[in-house]
Protein backbone atom coordinates (compact mmCIF):
# COMPACT_ATOMS: atom_id res chain seq x y z
CA MET A 1 79.46 141.63 46.60
CA THR A 2 80.23 138.92 43.52
CA THR A 3 83.16 137.56 44.66
CA THR A 4 83.84 134.52 46.45
CA ASN A 5 87.47 135.02 46.97
CA ALA A 6 88.18 133.71 50.90
CA ASN A 7 89.22 137.09 52.33
CA ASN A 8 86.05 138.96 50.66
CA ILE A 9 83.38 136.92 50.98
CA ASP A 10 80.08 138.44 52.80
CA PHE A 11 77.36 136.22 53.68
CA THR A 12 75.69 139.51 54.88
CA ILE A 13 71.47 139.29 54.00
CA GLU A 14 69.84 142.04 53.40
CA ARG A 15 67.02 143.35 55.33
CA LEU A 16 63.88 145.03 54.64
CA GLY A 17 63.92 146.76 57.16
CA GLN A 18 62.86 145.85 61.61
CA ALA A 19 61.06 143.03 62.82
CA ARG A 20 58.45 144.01 64.85
CA ILE A 21 55.39 141.73 64.18
CA PRO A 22 55.24 139.25 66.88
CA SER A 23 55.39 135.69 64.71
CA PRO A 24 51.82 133.53 65.15
CA LEU A 25 54.06 130.55 65.41
CA HIS A 26 53.71 129.47 69.05
CA LEU A 27 57.34 128.63 69.28
CA SER A 28 59.24 128.14 72.30
CA THR A 29 62.65 130.53 73.51
CA ARG A 30 64.01 128.39 76.22
CA LEU A 31 65.57 125.05 75.70
CA ASN A 32 64.41 121.78 77.54
CA ASP A 33 60.82 122.56 77.51
CA PHE A 34 59.54 119.93 74.66
CA VAL A 35 58.55 122.99 72.34
CA ALA A 36 60.81 123.92 69.63
CA ASN A 37 62.36 127.48 69.13
CA TYR A 38 62.32 130.27 67.14
CA VAL A 39 65.78 130.77 65.33
CA SER A 40 67.93 133.78 66.73
CA ASP A 41 69.34 136.33 64.19
CA ASP A 42 72.69 135.34 66.32
CA GLU A 43 72.92 131.95 65.21
CA PHE A 44 75.09 131.24 62.55
CA ILE A 45 76.90 128.19 60.69
CA MET A 46 80.51 128.12 59.45
CA HIS A 47 81.88 128.29 55.56
CA ASP A 48 84.53 126.11 55.56
CA ILE A 49 84.85 123.98 57.96
CA ASP A 50 88.14 122.05 56.95
CA GLN A 51 90.98 123.63 59.23
CA THR A 52 94.39 122.93 59.87
CA PHE A 53 96.17 121.91 62.70
CA ASP A 54 99.62 124.65 63.70
CA GLY A 55 102.11 122.96 65.57
CA GLU A 56 99.84 121.79 68.57
CA SER A 57 96.86 124.07 68.12
CA LEU A 58 94.04 125.01 65.99
CA LYS A 59 93.92 128.73 64.71
CA LEU A 60 90.66 129.87 63.44
CA ASN A 61 90.68 132.69 61.58
CA PHE A 62 86.92 133.80 60.20
CA LYS A 63 85.28 136.59 60.41
CA ARG A 64 81.07 136.72 61.25
CA THR A 65 81.02 137.90 57.40
CA HIS A 66 82.38 134.54 56.73
CA MET A 67 79.07 132.60 58.58
CA LEU A 68 75.79 132.21 57.05
CA GLU A 69 72.85 133.20 58.54
CA LYS A 70 71.13 129.41 59.86
CA ALA A 71 67.54 129.96 58.47
CA GLY A 72 63.84 129.01 60.16
CA PRO A 73 61.46 130.88 61.88
CA ARG A 74 61.71 133.93 63.65
CA GLU A 75 60.15 135.28 67.01
CA LYS A 76 59.38 138.23 65.25
CA LEU A 77 58.11 139.26 61.70
CA TYR A 78 58.48 142.50 59.20
CA PHE A 79 55.69 141.52 57.65
CA ASP A 80 51.53 141.90 58.38
CA PRO A 81 50.46 138.38 56.90
CA LYS A 82 47.29 140.07 56.35
CA LYS A 83 49.12 142.36 54.47
CA VAL A 84 50.83 140.15 52.21
CA CYS A 85 50.62 139.36 48.70
CA ALA A 86 53.08 136.87 47.66
CA GLY A 87 53.85 135.67 44.59
CA ILE A 88 55.85 131.96 43.03
CA VAL A 89 57.64 131.52 40.39
CA THR A 90 59.03 127.87 38.68
CA CYS A 91 61.57 128.72 35.62
CA GLY A 92 63.80 126.98 33.54
CA GLY A 93 64.02 123.17 32.26
CA LEU A 94 61.52 121.11 33.91
CA CYS A 95 63.35 118.88 37.74
CA PRO A 96 61.80 116.69 39.74
CA GLY A 97 60.64 118.58 43.21
CA LEU A 98 58.86 121.93 41.78
CA ASN A 99 55.46 120.91 42.61
CA ASP A 100 56.55 119.72 46.25
CA VAL A 101 58.19 123.23 46.63
CA ILE A 102 54.83 125.31 44.80
CA ARG A 103 52.79 123.31 48.07
CA SER A 104 54.89 123.47 51.23
CA LEU A 105 55.21 127.43 50.15
CA VAL A 106 50.84 127.50 50.18
CA MET A 107 51.50 125.64 53.04
CA THR A 108 53.31 127.59 54.97
CA LEU A 109 52.84 130.51 53.86
CA TRP A 110 48.43 129.76 54.19
CA TYR A 111 48.50 127.18 57.58
CA GLN A 112 51.24 128.72 59.28
CA TYR A 113 51.48 132.74 59.11
CA GLY A 114 47.42 133.67 57.93
CA VAL A 115 47.98 134.51 54.40
CA ARG A 116 45.33 134.66 51.96
CA ASN A 117 46.51 136.34 49.07
CA ILE A 118 49.37 133.80 46.89
CA LEU A 119 49.64 134.04 43.68
CA GLY A 120 51.39 131.80 41.47
CA ILE A 121 52.62 132.81 37.79
CA PRO A 122 52.39 131.15 35.28
CA PHE A 123 55.01 130.19 32.91
CA GLY A 124 58.15 131.61 34.13
CA TYR A 125 59.13 135.49 34.41
CA CYS A 126 57.29 135.33 30.79
CA GLY A 127 54.16 134.93 33.07
CA PHE A 128 54.99 138.55 34.47
CA LEU A 129 55.09 140.44 30.65
CA PRO A 130 51.82 141.65 29.37
CA GLU A 131 53.07 141.08 26.08
CA TYR A 132 51.81 137.15 26.75
CA GLY A 133 49.11 137.97 28.10
CA TYR A 134 48.70 135.27 31.41
CA GLU A 135 46.67 135.81 34.40
CA PRO A 136 48.45 135.11 37.80
CA ILE A 137 46.59 131.51 39.70
CA ARG A 138 45.26 132.24 43.12
CA LEU A 139 46.48 129.81 45.32
CA GLU A 140 45.36 127.83 48.17
CA PRO A 141 45.78 124.72 49.86
CA SER A 142 42.77 122.78 47.95
CA LYS A 143 44.68 123.84 45.01
CA VAL A 144 48.20 122.21 45.87
CA SER A 145 47.26 119.48 48.14
CA VAL A 146 48.09 116.78 45.82
CA ILE A 147 50.32 118.01 43.38
CA HIS A 148 53.80 117.01 44.96
CA GLN A 149 52.21 113.52 43.94
CA HIS A 150 53.76 114.42 39.92
CA GLY A 151 56.61 115.68 38.15
CA GLY A 152 56.81 119.28 36.50
CA THR A 153 55.07 122.36 37.52
CA ILE A 154 51.34 123.82 37.22
CA LEU A 155 52.52 126.43 37.33
CA GLY A 156 54.03 126.08 33.71
CA SER A 157 58.09 127.16 33.45
CA SER A 158 59.89 128.74 30.59
CA ARG A 159 63.46 130.08 29.93
CA GLY A 160 64.28 133.91 29.10
CA GLY A 161 61.95 136.70 30.19
CA SER A 162 64.78 139.05 31.24
CA LYS A 163 62.54 141.81 30.77
CA THR A 164 63.39 143.43 34.48
CA ASP A 165 61.79 146.52 33.86
CA GLU A 166 58.62 144.93 32.58
CA ILE A 167 58.87 142.14 35.10
CA MET A 168 58.90 145.00 37.91
CA ASP A 169 56.12 147.25 36.89
CA THR A 170 53.73 143.80 36.43
CA ILE A 171 54.96 143.02 40.17
CA GLU A 172 53.98 146.74 41.30
CA GLN A 173 50.82 146.39 39.71
CA LEU A 174 49.76 142.86 41.68
CA ASN A 175 50.38 144.14 44.86
CA ILE A 176 53.46 141.61 45.32
CA ASN A 177 55.70 142.06 48.48
CA MET A 178 57.26 139.08 48.50
CA LEU A 179 58.37 136.40 45.57
CA PHE A 180 59.51 133.21 45.76
CA THR A 181 61.63 132.45 42.61
CA ILE A 182 62.12 128.46 42.01
CA GLY A 183 65.13 128.01 39.27
CA GLY A 184 68.63 127.60 38.45
CA ASP A 185 71.22 129.89 37.34
CA GLY A 186 69.27 131.90 35.08
CA THR A 187 66.29 132.14 37.05
CA GLN A 188 68.10 133.87 40.26
CA LYS A 189 70.08 135.79 38.18
CA GLY A 190 66.34 137.26 37.01
CA ALA A 191 65.79 137.35 40.58
CA LEU A 192 69.59 139.21 41.76
CA ALA A 193 68.38 141.86 39.13
CA LEU A 194 64.86 142.48 40.41
CA TYR A 195 66.33 142.72 43.78
CA GLU A 196 68.71 145.21 42.68
CA GLU A 197 65.62 146.73 41.07
CA ALA A 198 63.40 147.13 43.58
CA GLN A 199 66.62 148.85 45.55
CA LYS A 200 66.72 151.32 42.46
CA ARG A 201 62.80 152.41 42.96
CA GLY A 202 62.41 152.00 47.04
CA ARG A 203 60.24 148.98 47.56
CA LYS A 204 59.70 146.77 50.00
CA LEU A 205 60.01 143.70 47.73
CA ALA A 206 61.33 140.32 49.35
CA ILE A 207 62.83 138.21 47.16
CA VAL A 208 63.64 134.20 48.23
CA GLY A 209 65.01 132.18 45.68
CA ILE A 210 65.03 128.40 45.77
CA PRO A 211 67.83 127.05 43.98
CA LYS A 212 66.80 124.56 41.32
CA THR A 213 69.63 122.76 39.21
CA ILE A 214 69.36 118.84 38.37
CA ASP A 215 72.67 119.62 37.72
CA ASN A 216 73.50 120.65 41.40
CA ASP A 217 76.24 122.87 40.10
CA LEU A 218 75.01 126.09 42.12
CA SER A 219 77.81 127.64 44.75
CA PHE A 220 77.42 127.27 48.60
CA VAL A 221 74.44 124.65 47.64
CA GLN A 222 75.40 120.99 49.26
CA ARG A 223 72.40 119.50 47.23
CA SER A 224 69.72 121.18 44.72
CA PHE A 225 66.72 119.81 45.02
CA GLY A 226 65.94 117.10 42.19
CA PHE A 227 69.38 115.45 42.27
CA GLU A 228 68.84 112.63 43.57
CA THR A 229 65.54 111.99 41.98
CA ALA A 230 67.63 112.25 38.65
CA VAL A 231 70.53 110.06 40.10
CA SER A 232 68.11 106.88 40.80
CA ARG A 233 66.54 107.45 37.54
CA ALA A 234 69.68 107.73 35.71
CA VAL A 235 70.76 104.66 37.97
CA GLU A 236 67.52 102.52 36.33
CA SER A 237 69.08 103.45 33.04
CA VAL A 238 72.44 102.16 33.75
CA ASN A 239 71.06 98.64 34.58
CA ALA A 240 68.82 98.94 31.34
CA ALA A 241 71.84 99.46 29.53
CA HIS A 242 74.15 96.82 31.50
CA THR A 243 71.87 94.44 30.98
CA GLU A 244 71.70 95.52 26.74
CA ALA A 245 75.37 95.22 27.48
CA ILE A 246 75.80 91.45 29.18
CA SER A 247 73.55 89.98 26.67
CA ALA A 248 74.81 90.21 23.37
CA ILE A 249 78.44 89.89 21.64
CA ASN A 250 80.17 92.61 22.57
CA GLY A 251 77.61 94.63 24.40
CA LEU A 252 78.03 98.49 24.83
CA GLY A 253 76.17 100.03 26.78
CA LEU A 254 76.27 104.07 25.84
CA VAL A 255 73.66 106.06 28.62
CA LYS A 256 74.28 110.25 28.30
CA VAL A 257 72.60 112.21 31.46
CA MET A 258 72.92 115.92 32.44
CA GLY A 259 75.06 117.58 33.13
CA ARG A 260 76.91 120.59 31.16
CA GLU A 261 78.98 121.98 33.37
CA SER A 262 79.18 119.97 35.88
CA GLY A 263 79.30 116.24 35.67
CA PHE A 264 77.85 115.26 39.72
CA ILE A 265 74.73 113.59 38.06
CA ALA A 266 77.17 111.49 36.15
CA ALA A 267 79.85 110.73 38.81
CA TYR A 268 77.11 110.13 41.21
CA THR A 269 75.06 107.62 39.30
CA ALA A 270 78.56 106.15 38.78
CA LEU A 271 78.97 105.35 42.07
CA ALA A 272 75.42 104.48 42.51
CA SER A 273 75.16 101.80 40.01
CA ASN A 274 78.42 99.76 40.32
CA ASP A 275 77.96 98.82 36.37
CA VAL A 276 79.80 101.58 35.22
CA ASN A 277 82.78 101.01 32.94
CA TYR A 278 83.53 104.50 31.78
CA VAL A 279 82.32 107.80 33.07
CA LEU A 280 82.37 110.95 31.02
CA ILE A 281 82.57 115.04 32.41
CA PRO A 282 82.85 118.27 31.62
CA GLU A 283 85.70 118.96 34.04
CA VAL A 284 87.91 115.99 32.90
CA PRO A 285 88.60 116.03 29.49
CA PHE A 286 89.23 112.78 27.19
CA GLU A 287 90.25 111.75 23.23
CA LEU A 288 88.44 109.71 21.64
CA GLU A 289 91.56 108.28 19.67
CA GLY A 290 94.80 107.42 20.23
CA GLU A 291 96.84 104.64 21.94
CA ASN A 292 95.48 106.28 25.46
CA GLY A 293 92.32 107.22 24.40
CA LEU A 294 88.74 105.98 25.16
CA TRP A 295 88.15 103.48 22.51
CA GLU A 296 91.59 102.00 22.68
CA SER A 297 90.29 101.48 26.40
CA ILE A 298 86.88 99.89 25.25
CA LYS A 299 88.89 98.29 22.43
CA ALA A 300 90.65 95.97 25.52
CA ARG A 301 87.81 96.28 27.73
CA LEU A 302 85.93 94.02 25.51
CA GLU A 303 88.67 91.67 24.63
CA ARG A 304 89.05 90.89 27.82
CA ARG A 305 85.16 91.10 29.55
CA HIS A 306 83.15 91.54 26.58
CA HIS A 307 81.24 94.23 27.28
CA ALA A 308 81.12 97.56 28.69
CA VAL A 309 79.33 100.49 30.01
CA VAL A 310 79.89 104.36 29.22
CA LEU A 311 78.04 106.96 30.27
CA VAL A 312 78.92 110.35 29.62
CA ALA A 313 77.44 113.64 30.76
CA GLU A 314 75.81 116.44 28.27
CA GLY A 315 78.87 118.82 28.45
CA ALA A 316 81.74 116.29 27.86
CA GLY A 317 83.42 116.51 25.16
CA GLN A 318 82.29 119.21 23.79
CA ASN A 319 85.98 120.26 22.06
CA LEU A 320 85.23 117.12 20.07
CA LEU A 321 81.98 118.67 18.15
CA GLN A 322 82.29 121.18 15.79
CA ALA A 323 81.68 124.84 18.59
CA SER A 324 78.21 126.35 18.58
CA LYS A 325 77.65 130.16 19.30
CA ALA A 326 73.78 129.73 19.71
CA VAL A 327 72.59 130.60 23.23
CA ASP A 328 69.14 129.48 23.89
CA ALA A 329 66.62 131.85 26.06
CA SER A 330 68.54 131.94 29.15
CA GLY A 331 71.54 132.55 28.02
CA ASN A 332 73.22 128.82 28.03
CA LYS A 333 75.39 127.80 25.22
CA VAL A 334 73.37 125.68 22.77
CA LEU A 335 75.76 122.27 23.50
CA ASN A 336 76.38 119.54 20.42
CA ASP A 337 74.67 116.07 21.06
CA ILE A 338 78.15 114.66 22.85
CA GLY A 339 75.90 111.33 23.03
CA VAL A 340 74.71 110.97 19.75
CA PHE A 341 78.04 111.57 18.20
CA LEU A 342 79.90 108.97 20.40
CA LYS A 343 77.03 106.58 19.88
CA ASN A 344 78.23 107.28 15.61
CA LYS A 345 81.56 107.42 16.24
CA LEU A 346 82.35 104.09 18.08
CA VAL A 347 80.66 102.60 15.48
CA GLU A 348 82.39 103.90 12.85
CA LEU A 349 86.07 103.08 14.83
CA ALA A 350 84.57 99.63 15.17
CA LYS A 351 84.01 98.82 11.90
CA ARG A 352 87.39 100.49 11.14
CA ASP A 353 89.01 98.10 13.47
CA GLY A 354 87.36 95.09 12.73
CA VAL A 355 85.87 94.86 16.24
CA VAL A 356 81.88 93.35 16.48
CA LEU A 357 80.47 95.50 18.45
CA ASN A 358 76.67 95.84 19.69
CA LEU A 359 76.28 99.82 21.23
CA LYS A 360 72.77 100.36 22.54
CA TYR A 361 72.18 104.06 23.32
CA ILE A 362 70.18 105.22 25.93
CA ASP A 363 69.09 109.50 26.91
CA PRO A 364 66.52 109.27 29.68
CA SER A 365 67.12 113.18 29.86
CA TYR A 366 63.22 113.75 29.67
CA ILE A 367 62.05 110.89 31.79
CA ILE A 368 63.83 111.97 35.09
CA ARG A 369 63.30 115.64 34.79
CA GLY A 370 59.63 114.88 34.42
CA SER A 371 59.45 112.40 37.15
CA ALA A 372 58.12 113.32 40.01
CA ALA A 373 60.73 113.61 43.35
CA ASN A 374 60.97 110.41 45.54
CA PRO A 375 60.59 110.20 49.25
CA ASN A 376 64.30 112.09 50.48
CA ASP A 377 63.78 114.84 47.21
CA SER A 378 60.37 115.63 48.70
CA ILE A 379 61.51 115.70 51.90
CA TYR A 380 63.53 118.09 51.33
CA CYS A 381 61.69 120.17 49.06
CA SER A 382 59.36 120.57 51.60
CA ARG A 383 61.34 122.31 54.51
CA LEU A 384 63.54 124.60 51.77
CA GLY A 385 59.88 125.44 51.04
CA ALA A 386 59.45 126.08 54.84
CA HIS A 387 62.36 127.76 55.36
CA ALA A 388 62.10 130.60 52.32
CA ALA A 389 58.11 131.62 53.87
CA HIS A 390 60.15 132.45 56.87
CA ALA A 391 62.88 133.94 55.57
CA ALA A 392 60.62 136.28 53.52
CA MET A 393 58.10 136.81 56.66
CA SER A 394 61.16 138.40 58.51
CA GLY A 395 61.76 140.61 55.80
CA ARG A 396 64.80 138.58 54.37
CA THR A 397 65.78 139.69 50.59
CA GLY A 398 67.69 138.88 47.77
CA LEU A 399 68.75 135.18 48.85
CA LEU A 400 68.62 131.84 48.33
CA VAL A 401 67.40 129.48 51.00
CA SER A 402 70.26 126.34 51.41
CA MET A 403 71.43 123.47 52.75
CA LEU A 404 75.06 123.32 53.76
CA HIS A 405 76.97 121.36 55.94
CA GLU A 406 73.72 119.50 56.72
CA GLN A 407 71.62 122.28 57.97
CA TYR A 408 69.17 124.81 56.34
CA VAL A 409 70.89 128.96 55.70
CA HIS A 410 70.86 131.53 53.87
CA VAL A 411 72.71 132.82 51.10
CA PRO A 412 73.02 135.91 49.18
CA ILE A 413 72.15 135.60 45.41
CA ALA A 414 74.87 137.85 44.50
CA LEU A 415 77.01 134.86 45.65
CA SER A 416 75.59 131.81 44.66
CA VAL A 417 75.26 132.89 41.02
CA GLY A 418 78.99 134.35 40.52
CA ARG A 419 80.33 130.74 39.96
CA ARG A 420 79.63 126.96 39.11
CA ASN A 421 80.18 124.72 41.35
CA LEU A 422 82.20 121.47 39.36
CA VAL A 423 83.55 118.41 40.32
CA ASP A 424 87.71 118.53 41.73
CA PRO A 425 89.44 115.93 39.62
CA GLU A 426 91.39 115.88 42.33
CA SER A 427 89.04 115.34 45.16
CA ASP A 428 87.99 112.14 46.77
CA LEU A 429 84.53 111.99 44.80
CA TRP A 430 86.14 111.92 41.70
CA ARG A 431 88.72 110.13 43.08
CA ASP A 432 86.11 107.03 44.31
CA VAL A 433 84.60 107.25 40.47
CA VAL A 434 87.79 106.29 38.77
CA ILE A 435 88.56 104.08 41.18
CA GLN A 436 85.21 102.17 41.06
CA THR A 437 84.86 101.88 37.28
CA GLY A 438 88.68 100.88 36.53
CA GLN A 439 89.12 103.68 33.95
CA PRO A 440 92.47 105.27 33.39
CA VAL A 441 92.98 108.42 35.31
CA LEU A 442 93.56 110.13 31.74
CA MET A 443 92.43 109.22 28.84
CA LEU A 444 94.59 111.30 26.49
CA ASN A 445 98.17 110.84 24.22
CA HIS A 446 99.59 114.11 25.99
CA PRO A 447 98.03 114.99 29.30
CA HIS A 448 100.84 117.66 29.86
CA ASP A 449 100.61 119.48 26.57
CA THR A 450 96.63 119.94 28.16
CA GLN A 451 97.49 120.53 31.83
CA ALA A 452 99.76 123.07 30.85
CA LYS A 453 97.26 124.36 28.09
CA ALA A 454 94.60 124.69 31.06
């Protein structure tokens, strides 16, 4: 179930067994009685809502496996709340909202379902490995009641920890029967490996992921938590860069934001700020020098307006730097610093061409990552955590809780980690960025050659 071909796609969610235990939630199964309803197993959300007309009729061609299960509390549970031991782990880089998700999981399990055995695993998957010597943290409402007011994660985080057999051994020793994995692509690949190992061992383990990637690049996830906070904090940096630029002779503000392979933060920040003149993202190649390169365009703008702001995603322009073969503990390729490279290179080119340039460089990455979630992200995290708890209690496993088309849904982990979500250079999003910034559509000297190679 790793392919995302439209004809093969399968959103079927694995269940540990038949749900027979009545839910302790006092919800309704009828409409118009002023009581919220349980979610039925027959409620689904269409994946592809884009349709075309064939003549005068609209032909809908989809199968049930092409539809996503609607998330939410079920009338029957698989797990007896008194026999649940839930584990919660946060992995990878920091992101606004981690504490909000932890709090929501604990509060939902404790108050709505009566679960009293909830373990927080310290420092990501490493917390499962005996070699590190960490002990699980017992979680209850008093320990999490105000953590959403702070950035970071009370559990700590780490990258790596891919020793699936050893991790599963610890899960068995702790008698954990539901595990909530809060993290991005690498974390959920680890969760998928644990799901497959649990199946091999015949262990009834519910594994439910909550997608955390500040870059907003997980597939079948409309928006990752923390993304909105990241954009709002990035806008603050752009505002500062713009203020510096307009206050100097030929001022140039250069801001680097997160975005290893996907430029969503940069694109949305540009649209939100209205002060960015150039947005550089991994999905759109550019050249620095030459008649149609970035520097010539900046130079022309400085002659006209005497200031400019450049916003660059960390994964942009990697072809301009010496390639690195190094990888981090999560298996991600270590990127060269495009921000520092551009800062030094633009100053060098200005001196070469006799252009007075006052460049200010801002990298707010860790300020953004360590921020507390804004209200919208906090609400989103709270709901993701609650839906994750509902999914696990019903005996579902191997899934992410996601939002798609403004609906909370279940997505098989294998599908979501099979590819990354990227900014489409021909999409309306990138079109609006190009129009609003006024930057050239392509800053390439030989665009046809580049497209042919792609």
